[in-house]
């Protein structure tokens, strides 16, 4: 995920973080299958609510990304929706690791 985030420019990364914090970007319906991650990213903005399809395909050291928004499709840049999903996945992984440690601690206290 960090390699994907490294390709997001600072402005779009900042908008992704702000959007997640203020719930203007919401990652939904995440599916993981091997090296593929798919999600819907709901974006609430000045033009209303839109839902974008975002996909990551990770194979070895490489990756491919897709988003249905104009930034990715027409401009070819890594958009805030891609950044939002990458941040979401990093957060999920961190949460799983911290939950595992807490669970182990509870078991040892018994």
Protein backbone atom coordinates (compact mmCIF):
# COMPACT_ATOMS: atom_id res chain seq x y z
CA UNK A 1 0.00 0.00 0.00
CA UNK A 2 2.88 2.35 0.71
CA UNK A 3 4.13 2.01 -2.88
CA UNK A 4 0.69 3.01 -4.10
CA UNK A 5 0.54 5.98 -1.72
CA UNK A 6 4.00 7.09 -2.89
CA UNK A 7 2.51 7.69 -6.35
CA UNK A 8 -0.29 9.95 -5.06
CA UNK A 9 0.61 13.64 -5.26
CA UNK A 10 0.53 15.67 -2.04
CA UNK A 11 -2.67 17.54 -2.89
CA UNK A 12 -4.68 14.40 -3.63
CA UNK A 13 -3.23 12.61 -0.61
CA UNK A 14 -4.21 15.54 1.60
CA UNK A 15 -7.74 15.53 0.16
CA UNK A 16 -7.98 11.78 0.80
CA UNK A 17 -6.92 12.15 4.43
CA UNK A 18 -9.27 15.10 4.99
CA UNK A 19 -12.10 13.26 3.23
CA UNK A 20 -11.65 10.18 5.42
CA UNK A 21 -11.43 12.25 8.61
CA UNK A 22 -14.55 14.27 7.78
CA UNK A 23 -16.39 11.22 6.34
CA UNK A 24 -16.64 12.87 2.92
CA UNK A 25 -14.86 9.77 1.57
CA UNK A 26 -16.09 6.40 2.80
CA UNK A 27 -14.60 3.08 1.76
CA UNK A 28 -17.36 0.47 1.39
CA UNK A 29 -17.90 -3.10 0.20
CA UNK A 30 -14.24 -4.14 0.34
CA UNK A 31 -13.46 -7.56 -1.10
CA UNK A 32 -10.07 -9.22 -0.96
CA UNK A 33 -9.16 -12.18 -3.13
CA UNK A 34 -5.51 -13.17 -3.25
CA UNK A 35 -3.64 -10.21 -4.67
CA UNK A 36 -6.79 -8.28 -5.56
CA UNK A 37 -8.62 -5.70 -3.50
CA UNK A 38 -11.86 -4.13 -4.72
CA UNK A 39 -13.97 -1.47 -3.04
CA UNK A 40 -16.51 1.24 -3.59
CA UNK A 41 -15.45 4.69 -2.43
CA UNK A 42 -18.39 6.99 -1.71
CA UNK A 43 -17.47 10.62 -2.24
CA UNK A 44 -19.64 13.46 -0.96
CA UNK A 45 -18.81 16.87 -2.38
CA UNK A 46 -20.11 20.03 -3.97
CA UNK A 47 -21.68 18.01 -6.79
CA UNK A 48 -23.47 15.57 -4.49
CA UNK A 49 -22.69 11.95 -3.76
CA UNK A 50 -20.83 9.75 -6.24
CA UNK A 51 -19.56 6.21 -5.83
CA UNK A 52 -16.33 5.15 -7.54
CA UNK A 53 -15.03 1.64 -8.16
CA UNK A 54 -11.43 1.18 -7.03
CA UNK A 55 -9.29 -1.91 -7.62
CA UNK A 56 -5.77 -2.92 -6.67
CA UNK A 57 -4.00 -5.87 -8.25
CA UNK A 58 -0.80 -6.73 -6.42
CA UNK A 59 1.58 -9.33 -7.83
CA UNK A 60 5.02 -9.80 -6.34
CA UNK A 61 6.69 -6.42 -6.17
CA UNK A 62 4.39 -4.82 -8.76
CA UNK A 63 0.88 -3.50 -8.70
CA UNK A 64 -1.85 -2.13 -10.95
CA UNK A 65 -4.58 0.24 -9.85
CA UNK A 66 -7.92 1.29 -11.29
CA UNK A 67 -10.47 3.91 -10.34
CA UNK A 68 -13.57 4.86 -12.27
CA UNK A 69 -13.04 8.61 -11.67
CA UNK A 70 -11.85 11.06 -14.33
CA UNK A 71 -8.52 11.72 -12.55
CA UNK A 72 -7.45 8.12 -13.12
CA UNK A 73 -9.27 7.31 -16.36
CA UNK A 74 -8.60 10.53 -18.28
CA UNK A 75 -5.60 12.11 -16.57
CA UNK A 76 -3.83 8.89 -15.57
CA UNK A 77 -2.99 10.10 -12.06
CA UNK A 78 -3.39 8.27 -8.75
CA UNK A 79 -6.51 9.90 -7.32
CA UNK A 80 -7.81 10.56 -3.82
CA UNK A 81 -10.08 7.49 -4.10
CA UNK A 82 -7.05 5.25 -4.67
CA UNK A 83 -5.32 6.95 -1.75
CA UNK A 84 -8.41 6.48 0.44
CA UNK A 85 -8.50 2.74 -0.23
CA UNK A 86 -4.75 2.37 0.37
CA UNK A 87 -5.04 4.27 3.68
CA UNK A 88 -8.07 2.19 4.62
CA UNK A 89 -6.14 -1.03 3.99
CA UNK A 90 -3.14 0.19 6.00
CA UNK A 91 -5.51 1.09 8.84
CA UNK A 92 -7.22 -2.31 8.70
CA UNK A 93 -3.86 -4.09 8.83
CA UNK A 94 -2.72 -1.97 11.80
CA UNK A 95 -6.01 -2.57 13.59
CA UNK A 96 -5.74 -6.33 13.05
CA UNK A 97 -2.18 -6.33 14.43
CA UNK A 98 -3.11 -4.28 17.51
CA UNK A 99 -6.24 -6.37 18.11
CA UNK A 100 -4.17 -9.53 17.96
CA UNK A 101 -1.77 -8.19 20.60
CA UNK A 102 -4.64 -7.12 22.85
CA UNK A 103 -6.29 -10.51 22.46
CA UNK A 104 -3.07 -12.33 23.30
CA UNK A 105 -2.65 -10.13 26.35
CA UNK A 106 -6.13 -10.98 27.58
CA UNK A 107 -5.46 -14.68 27.17
CA UNK A 108 -2.26 -14.44 29.17
CA UNK A 109 -4.03 -12.57 31.98
CA UNK A 110 -6.54 -15.41 32.50
